[in-house]
Amino acid sequence: MISRTQLYSNYPFIHTALAQLGEPAEQSLPEATVHLIRLYVSNINGCQFCQAMHDEALKTSASSKLYKRYKAALANEDLSSLEPFDQAALFLAHRVTSASSCELDKYLQHCVSESQQLAIIGLALQINNWNRVAIGLNL
């Protein structure tokens, strides 16, 4: 099996390339939303390594009350309890993860600006790739 060291030695640009995909989101979205998206996509992909990492990051970036609301929404697969902005962000991240059209319905389009939509798409692309690296390396 290929090790993490082998992969990163042969492709030393992976960290930089993937980091750049997430930078617009980290600059334009609330920190808790960034980790919520990363946790949500990692849940969809079944990446336990990334789930644990982003659950901890979400816990430290959100208030206790908000963290509990996020966790309940993800556990019940019912995003309707979330604020419209977070609903739209997760809906769009799900569309990217499932390779569907990245179009939001009219209600959700008004919740997220075009630049935020692009940032969310980049973030979803980033975490999807990190999930595949972690799963592929059995992390």
N, C-alpha and C. Protein backbone atom coordinates (compact mmCIF):
# COMPACT_ATOMS: atom_id res chain seq x y z
N MET A 1 0.84 -1.18 0.00
CA MET A 1 0.00 0.00 0.00
C MET A 1 0.89 1.25 0.00
N ILE A 2 0.42 2.27 -0.66
CA ILE A 2 1.11 3.56 -0.72
C ILE A 2 0.96 4.24 0.65
N SER A 3 2.05 4.79 1.14
CA SER A 3 2.01 5.49 2.43
C SER A 3 1.78 6.98 2.20
N ARG A 4 1.42 7.65 3.27
CA ARG A 4 1.23 9.10 3.24
C ARG A 4 2.55 9.78 2.83
N THR A 5 3.65 9.30 3.37
CA THR A 5 4.97 9.86 3.05
C THR A 5 5.27 9.72 1.57
N GLN A 6 4.99 8.55 1.00
CA GLN A 6 5.24 8.34 -0.44
C GLN A 6 4.38 9.29 -1.28
N LEU A 7 3.12 9.40 -0.93
CA LEU A 7 2.22 10.27 -1.70
C LEU A 7 2.71 11.70 -1.66
N TYR A 8 3.01 12.20 -0.47
CA TYR A 8 3.41 13.60 -0.33
C TYR A 8 4.81 13.85 -0.88
N SER A 9 5.65 12.85 -0.90
CA SER A 9 6.98 13.00 -1.50
C SER A 9 6.89 13.12 -3.01
N ASN A 10 6.01 12.35 -3.60
CA ASN A 10 5.85 12.37 -5.05
C ASN A 10 4.95 13.51 -5.54
N TYR A 11 4.08 13.98 -4.69
CA TYR A 11 3.15 15.06 -5.03
C TYR A 11 3.18 16.11 -3.92
N PRO A 12 4.30 16.80 -3.78
CA PRO A 12 4.45 17.75 -2.67
C PRO A 12 3.52 18.96 -2.74
N PHE A 13 2.89 19.16 -3.88
CA PHE A 13 2.01 20.31 -4.07
C PHE A 13 0.58 20.05 -3.60
N ILE A 14 0.26 18.82 -3.18
CA ILE A 14 -1.12 18.50 -2.80
C ILE A 14 -1.61 19.43 -1.71
N HIS A 15 -0.84 19.60 -0.65
CA HIS A 15 -1.28 20.45 0.46
C HIS A 15 -1.58 21.87 -0.01
N THR A 16 -0.69 22.43 -0.80
CA THR A 16 -0.85 23.80 -1.28
C THR A 16 -2.06 23.92 -2.20
N ALA A 17 -2.18 22.99 -3.11
CA ALA A 17 -3.29 23.04 -4.08
C ALA A 17 -4.63 22.92 -3.36
N LEU A 18 -4.73 21.98 -2.44
CA LEU A 18 -6.00 21.81 -1.73
C LEU A 18 -6.27 22.96 -0.78
N ALA A 19 -5.23 23.49 -0.16
CA ALA A 19 -5.41 24.65 0.73
C ALA A 19 -5.97 25.83 -0.04
N GLN A 20 -5.49 26.03 -1.26
CA GLN A 20 -5.94 27.16 -2.06
C GLN A 20 -7.42 27.04 -2.43
N LEU A 21 -7.92 25.82 -2.58
CA LEU A 21 -9.35 25.64 -2.87
C LEU A 21 -10.23 26.14 -1.73
N GLY A 22 -9.74 26.04 -0.50
CA GLY A 22 -10.54 26.44 0.65
C GLY A 22 -10.36 27.87 1.09
N GLU A 23 -9.33 28.55 0.59
CA GLU A 23 -9.04 29.91 1.05
C GLU A 23 -10.18 30.90 0.87
N PRO A 24 -10.85 30.95 -0.28
CA PRO A 24 -11.96 31.91 -0.41
C PRO A 24 -13.06 31.68 0.64
N ALA A 25 -13.34 30.42 0.95
CA ALA A 25 -14.36 30.12 1.96
C ALA A 25 -13.90 30.55 3.35
N GLU A 26 -12.65 30.28 3.64
CA GLU A 26 -12.13 30.65 4.95
C GLU A 26 -12.10 32.16 5.14
N GLN A 27 -12.05 32.92 4.06
CA GLN A 27 -12.01 34.37 4.14
C GLN A 27 -13.40 35.00 4.09
N SER A 28 -14.39 34.29 3.53
CA SER A 28 -15.69 34.92 3.32
C SER A 28 -16.85 34.29 4.08
N LEU A 29 -16.63 33.14 4.68
CA LEU A 29 -17.71 32.47 5.42
C LEU A 29 -17.36 32.41 6.89
N PRO A 30 -18.38 32.34 7.75
CA PRO A 30 -18.10 32.16 9.18
C PRO A 30 -17.31 30.87 9.41
N GLU A 31 -16.38 30.92 10.34
CA GLU A 31 -15.53 29.75 10.61
C GLU A 31 -16.35 28.51 10.93
N ALA A 32 -17.41 28.67 11.71
CA ALA A 32 -18.25 27.52 12.06
C ALA A 32 -18.90 26.92 10.81
N THR A 33 -19.32 27.75 9.88
CA THR A 33 -19.92 27.26 8.63
C THR A 33 -18.91 26.49 7.81
N VAL A 34 -17.68 26.97 7.77
CA VAL A 34 -16.62 26.26 7.04
C VAL A 34 -16.46 24.84 7.59
N HIS A 35 -16.39 24.72 8.92
CA HIS A 35 -16.21 23.39 9.51
C HIS A 35 -17.48 22.55 9.41
N LEU A 36 -18.64 23.20 9.45
CA LEU A 36 -19.90 22.48 9.25
C LEU A 36 -19.92 21.84 7.86
N ILE A 37 -19.54 22.59 6.85
CA ILE A 37 -19.49 22.06 5.48
C ILE A 37 -18.50 20.91 5.39
N ARG A 38 -17.33 21.09 5.96
CA ARG A 38 -16.31 20.03 5.92
C ARG A 38 -16.79 18.78 6.65
N LEU A 39 -17.45 18.95 7.78
CA LEU A 39 -17.98 17.80 8.51
C LEU A 39 -19.10 17.12 7.72
N TYR A 40 -20.00 17.91 7.17
CA TYR A 40 -21.13 17.38 6.40
C TYR A 40 -20.65 16.55 5.20
N VAL A 41 -19.73 17.09 4.44
CA VAL A 41 -19.21 16.36 3.26
C VAL A 41 -18.45 15.12 3.71
N SER A 42 -17.68 15.23 4.78
CA SER A 42 -16.95 14.06 5.29
C SER A 42 -17.91 12.97 5.75
N ASN A 43 -19.06 13.38 6.32
CA ASN A 43 -20.09 12.40 6.69
C ASN A 43 -20.63 11.70 5.45
N ILE A 44 -20.93 12.47 4.42
CA ILE A 44 -21.45 11.89 3.18
C ILE A 44 -20.46 10.87 2.62
N ASN A 45 -19.18 11.23 2.63
CA ASN A 45 -18.15 10.38 2.05
C ASN A 45 -17.68 9.26 2.98
N GLY A 46 -18.09 9.31 4.23
CA GLY A 46 -17.69 8.27 5.18
C GLY A 46 -16.23 8.34 5.59
N CYS A 47 -15.67 9.53 5.60
CA CYS A 47 -14.26 9.69 5.99
C CYS A 47 -14.18 9.94 7.49
N GLN A 48 -13.91 8.90 8.23
CA GLN A 48 -13.89 8.99 9.69
C GLN A 48 -12.77 9.91 10.20
N PHE A 49 -11.63 9.88 9.54
CA PHE A 49 -10.51 10.74 9.93
C PHE A 49 -10.93 12.21 9.86
N CYS A 50 -11.51 12.61 8.74
CA CYS A 50 -11.92 14.01 8.55
C CYS A 50 -13.14 14.35 9.41
N GLN A 51 -14.03 13.39 9.62
CA GLN A 51 -15.18 13.62 10.49
C GLN A 51 -14.71 14.02 11.89
N ALA A 52 -13.78 13.25 12.44
CA ALA A 52 -13.28 13.54 13.79
C ALA A 52 -12.59 14.90 13.83
N MET A 53 -11.79 15.19 12.83
CA MET A 53 -11.05 16.46 12.80
C MET A 53 -12.01 17.65 12.73
N HIS A 54 -13.00 17.58 11.86
CA HIS A 54 -13.88 18.73 11.66
C HIS A 54 -14.98 18.80 12.70
N ASP A 55 -15.31 17.69 13.32
CA ASP A 55 -16.23 17.75 14.46
C ASP A 55 -15.57 18.54 15.59
N GLU A 56 -14.32 18.25 15.86
CA GLU A 56 -13.58 18.97 16.91
C GLU A 56 -13.43 20.45 16.55
N ALA A 57 -13.13 20.74 15.29
CA ALA A 57 -12.99 22.13 14.85
C ALA A 57 -14.33 22.87 14.94
N LEU A 58 -15.42 22.18 14.60
CA LEU A 58 -16.74 22.79 14.70
C LEU A 58 -17.08 23.08 16.15
N LYS A 59 -16.75 22.15 17.01
CA LYS A 59 -17.02 22.31 18.44
C LYS A 59 -16.32 23.55 19.00
N THR A 60 -15.11 23.83 18.54
CA THR A 60 -14.37 24.97 19.05
C THR A 60 -14.71 26.28 18.34
N SER A 61 -15.33 26.21 17.15
CA SER A 61 -15.62 27.43 16.41
C SER A 61 -17.07 27.90 16.55
N ALA A 62 -17.93 27.06 17.10
CA ALA A 62 -19.34 27.41 17.27
C ALA A 62 -19.67 27.45 18.76
N SER A 63 -20.69 28.21 19.09
CA SER A 63 -21.15 28.20 20.48
C SER A 63 -21.68 26.80 20.80
N SER A 64 -21.77 26.48 22.06
CA SER A 64 -22.26 25.17 22.47
C SER A 64 -23.67 24.91 21.93
N LYS A 65 -24.51 25.93 22.00
CA LYS A 65 -25.90 25.81 21.53
C LYS A 65 -25.93 25.57 20.01
N LEU A 66 -25.15 26.34 19.28
CA LEU A 66 -25.11 26.18 17.82
C LEU A 66 -24.51 24.84 17.44
N TYR A 67 -23.46 24.42 18.13
CA TYR A 67 -22.84 23.12 17.87
C TYR A 67 -23.87 22.00 18.03
N LYS A 68 -24.65 22.06 19.09
CA LYS A 68 -25.69 21.03 19.33
C LYS A 68 -26.74 21.05 18.23
N ARG A 69 -27.12 22.25 17.77
CA ARG A 69 -28.10 22.34 16.68
C ARG A 69 -27.53 21.75 15.40
N TYR A 70 -26.27 22.08 15.09
CA TYR A 70 -25.62 21.52 13.90
C TYR A 70 -25.57 19.99 13.98
N LYS A 71 -25.13 19.47 15.12
CA LYS A 71 -25.00 18.02 15.27
C LYS A 71 -26.35 17.32 15.15
N ALA A 72 -27.38 17.90 15.73
CA ALA A 72 -28.72 17.30 15.64
C ALA A 72 -29.21 17.30 14.19
N ALA A 73 -28.98 18.39 13.48
CA ALA A 73 -29.41 18.47 12.08
C ALA A 73 -28.70 17.43 11.23
N LEU A 74 -27.40 17.26 11.46
CA LEU A 74 -26.64 16.27 10.69
C LEU A 74 -27.06 14.85 11.07
N ALA A 75 -27.27 14.61 12.35
CA ALA A 75 -27.65 13.26 12.81
C ALA A 75 -29.01 12.85 12.27
N ASN A 76 -29.94 13.80 12.22
CA ASN A 76 -31.30 13.51 11.76
C ASN A 76 -31.46 13.69 10.26
N GLU A 77 -30.38 14.14 9.61
CA GLU A 77 -30.43 14.43 8.18
C GLU A 77 -31.59 15.36 7.85
N ASP A 78 -31.82 16.32 8.77
CA ASP A 78 -32.88 17.31 8.60
C ASP A 78 -32.27 18.69 8.75
N LEU A 79 -32.01 19.32 7.64
CA LEU A 79 -31.35 20.61 7.66
C LEU A 79 -32.32 21.77 7.87
N SER A 80 -33.61 21.49 7.95
CA SER A 80 -34.60 22.56 8.08
C SER A 80 -34.49 23.32 9.40
N SER A 81 -33.83 22.74 10.40
CA SER A 81 -33.67 23.43 11.68
C SER A 81 -32.53 24.45 11.64
N LEU A 82 -31.76 24.45 10.56
CA LEU A 82 -30.64 25.37 10.43
C LEU A 82 -31.10 26.70 9.83
N GLU A 83 -30.28 27.72 10.03
CA GLU A 83 -30.54 29.01 9.40
C GLU A 83 -30.49 28.84 7.87
N PRO A 84 -31.25 29.63 7.13
CA PRO A 84 -31.27 29.49 5.67
C PRO A 84 -29.88 29.55 5.03
N PHE A 85 -28.99 30.40 5.56
CA PHE A 85 -27.63 30.48 5.01
C PHE A 85 -26.92 29.13 5.10
N ASP A 86 -26.97 28.49 6.27
CA ASP A 86 -26.32 27.19 6.45
C ASP A 86 -27.02 26.11 5.64
N GLN A 87 -28.34 26.18 5.54
CA GLN A 87 -29.06 25.23 4.69
C GLN A 87 -28.57 25.32 3.25
N ALA A 88 -28.47 26.55 2.76
CA ALA A 88 -28.03 26.76 1.38
C ALA A 88 -26.60 26.26 1.19
N ALA A 89 -25.73 26.54 2.17
CA ALA A 89 -24.33 26.11 2.07
C ALA A 89 -24.24 24.59 2.00
N LEU A 90 -24.99 23.90 2.87
CA LEU A 90 -24.93 22.44 2.88
C LEU A 90 -25.60 21.84 1.65
N PHE A 91 -26.67 22.45 1.19
CA PHE A 91 -27.32 21.98 -0.03
C PHE A 91 -26.35 22.05 -1.20
N LEU A 92 -25.67 23.17 -1.32
CA LEU A 92 -24.72 23.34 -2.41
C LEU A 92 -23.54 22.38 -2.27
N ALA A 93 -23.03 22.21 -1.06
CA ALA A 93 -21.94 21.26 -0.83
C ALA A 93 -22.36 19.85 -1.18
N HIS A 94 -23.60 19.50 -0.89
CA HIS A 94 -24.12 18.18 -1.23
C HIS A 94 -24.18 18.02 -2.75
N ARG A 95 -24.61 19.07 -3.44
CA ARG A 95 -24.69 19.00 -4.90
C ARG A 95 -23.31 18.76 -5.51
N VAL A 96 -22.29 19.44 -4.98
CA VAL A 96 -20.93 19.25 -5.47
C VAL A 96 -20.48 17.82 -5.19
N THR A 97 -20.74 17.34 -3.99
CA THR A 97 -20.30 16.01 -3.57
C THR A 97 -20.97 14.91 -4.39
N SER A 98 -22.21 15.12 -4.75
CA SER A 98 -22.93 14.11 -5.53
C SER A 98 -22.82 14.35 -7.03
N ALA A 99 -21.97 15.28 -7.43
CA ALA A 99 -21.74 15.61 -8.84
C ALA A 99 -23.04 15.98 -9.54
N SER A 100 -23.85 16.79 -8.85
CA SER A 100 -25.10 17.30 -9.42
C SER A 100 -24.93 18.75 -9.83
N SER A 101 -25.94 19.29 -10.46
CA SER A 101 -25.92 20.69 -10.85
C SER A 101 -25.74 21.56 -9.61
N CYS A 102 -24.92 22.57 -9.71
CA CYS A 102 -24.64 23.47 -8.59
C CYS A 102 -25.61 24.64 -8.56
N GLU A 103 -26.84 24.39 -8.95
CA GLU A 103 -27.85 25.43 -8.94
C GLU A 103 -28.64 25.37 -7.65
N LEU A 104 -28.88 26.53 -7.07
CA LEU A 104 -29.72 26.63 -5.89
C LEU A 104 -31.12 27.05 -6.31
N ASP A 105 -32.13 26.59 -5.56
CA ASP A 105 -33.48 27.06 -5.89
C ASP A 105 -33.58 28.55 -5.51
N LYS A 106 -34.64 29.20 -5.98
CA LYS A 106 -34.75 30.65 -5.82
C LYS A 106 -34.71 31.06 -4.35
N TYR A 107 -35.31 30.30 -3.47
CA TYR A 107 -35.31 30.64 -2.04
C TYR A 107 -33.90 30.66 -1.48
N LEU A 108 -33.13 29.64 -1.80
CA LEU A 108 -31.78 29.55 -1.25
C LEU A 108 -30.81 30.50 -1.95
N GLN A 109 -31.07 30.85 -3.21
CA GLN A 109 -30.19 31.78 -3.93
C GLN A 109 -30.11 33.12 -3.22
N HIS A 110 -31.20 33.53 -2.59
CA HIS A 110 -31.23 34.83 -1.92
C HIS A 110 -30.51 34.79 -0.57
N CYS A 111 -30.15 33.61 -0.10
CA CYS A 111 -29.48 33.46 1.19
C CYS A 111 -27.98 33.52 1.09
N VAL A 112 -27.44 33.27 -0.10
CA VAL A 112 -26.00 33.16 -0.30
C VAL A 112 -25.61 33.96 -1.53
N SER A 113 -24.66 34.85 -1.38
CA SER A 113 -24.21 35.65 -2.53
C SER A 113 -23.48 34.77 -3.54
N GLU A 114 -23.30 35.31 -4.73
CA GLU A 114 -22.60 34.55 -5.76
C GLU A 114 -21.16 34.23 -5.34
N SER A 115 -20.49 35.19 -4.72
CA SER A 115 -19.11 34.93 -4.28
C SER A 115 -19.08 33.88 -3.17
N GLN A 116 -20.09 33.88 -2.30
CA GLN A 116 -20.16 32.84 -1.27
C GLN A 116 -20.45 31.48 -1.89
N GLN A 117 -21.30 31.44 -2.90
CA GLN A 117 -21.58 30.18 -3.59
C GLN A 117 -20.30 29.61 -4.19
N LEU A 118 -19.51 30.47 -4.82
CA LEU A 118 -18.24 30.00 -5.40
C LEU A 118 -17.29 29.52 -4.31
N ALA A 119 -17.26 30.21 -3.19
CA ALA A 119 -16.40 29.79 -2.07
C ALA A 119 -16.85 28.44 -1.53
N ILE A 120 -18.14 28.23 -1.43
CA ILE A 120 -18.68 26.95 -0.94
C ILE A 120 -18.32 25.83 -1.91
N ILE A 121 -18.45 26.09 -3.20
CA ILE A 121 -18.09 25.08 -4.20
C ILE A 121 -16.62 24.72 -4.06
N GLY A 122 -15.75 25.71 -3.94
CA GLY A 122 -14.32 25.44 -3.75
C GLY A 122 -14.05 24.65 -2.49
N LEU A 123 -14.74 25.00 -1.41
CA LEU A 123 -14.57 24.29 -0.14
C LEU A 123 -15.03 22.83 -0.26
N ALA A 124 -16.16 22.63 -0.94
CA ALA A 124 -16.66 21.26 -1.14
C ALA A 124 -15.69 20.45 -2.00
N LEU A 125 -15.13 21.08 -3.02
CA LEU A 125 -14.13 20.39 -3.83
C LEU A 125 -12.91 20.03 -2.98
N GLN A 126 -12.50 20.96 -2.12
CA GLN A 126 -11.35 20.72 -1.25
C GLN A 126 -11.58 19.53 -0.33
N ILE A 127 -12.67 19.54 0.42
CA ILE A 127 -12.87 18.47 1.41
C ILE A 127 -13.17 17.15 0.74
N ASN A 128 -13.82 17.17 -0.41
CA ASN A 128 -14.02 15.91 -1.14
C ASN A 128 -12.67 15.29 -1.49
N ASN A 129 -11.74 16.10 -1.93
CA ASN A 129 -10.40 15.58 -2.26
C ASN A 129 -9.65 15.12 -1.02
N TRP A 130 -9.70 15.89 0.06
CA TRP A 130 -9.05 15.44 1.30
C TRP A 130 -9.64 14.13 1.78
N ASN A 131 -10.97 13.99 1.67
CA ASN A 131 -11.62 12.73 2.06
C ASN A 131 -11.06 11.56 1.26
N ARG A 132 -10.90 11.76 -0.03
CA ARG A 132 -10.39 10.68 -0.87
C ARG A 132 -8.94 10.33 -0.54
N VAL A 133 -8.15 11.35 -0.21
CA VAL A 133 -6.76 11.08 0.21
C VAL A 133 -6.77 10.29 1.50
N ALA A 134 -7.55 10.74 2.49
CA ALA A 134 -7.56 10.07 3.79
C ALA A 134 -8.11 8.65 3.69
N ILE A 135 -9.17 8.46 2.95
CA ILE A 135 -9.76 7.12 2.80
C ILE A 135 -8.78 6.23 2.03
N GLY A 136 -8.19 6.77 0.97
CA GLY A 136 -7.25 5.98 0.16
C GLY A 136 -6.01 5.56 0.92
N LEU A 137 -5.62 6.35 1.92
CA LEU A 137 -4.44 6.02 2.71
C LEU A 137 -4.79 5.32 4.03
N ASN A 138 -6.07 4.99 4.18
CA ASN A 138 -6.55 4.32 5.39
C ASN A 138 -6.23 5.10 6.66
N LEU A 139 -6.40 6.42 6.61
CA LEU A 139 -6.16 7.24 7.80
C LEU A 139 -7.33 7.18 8.76
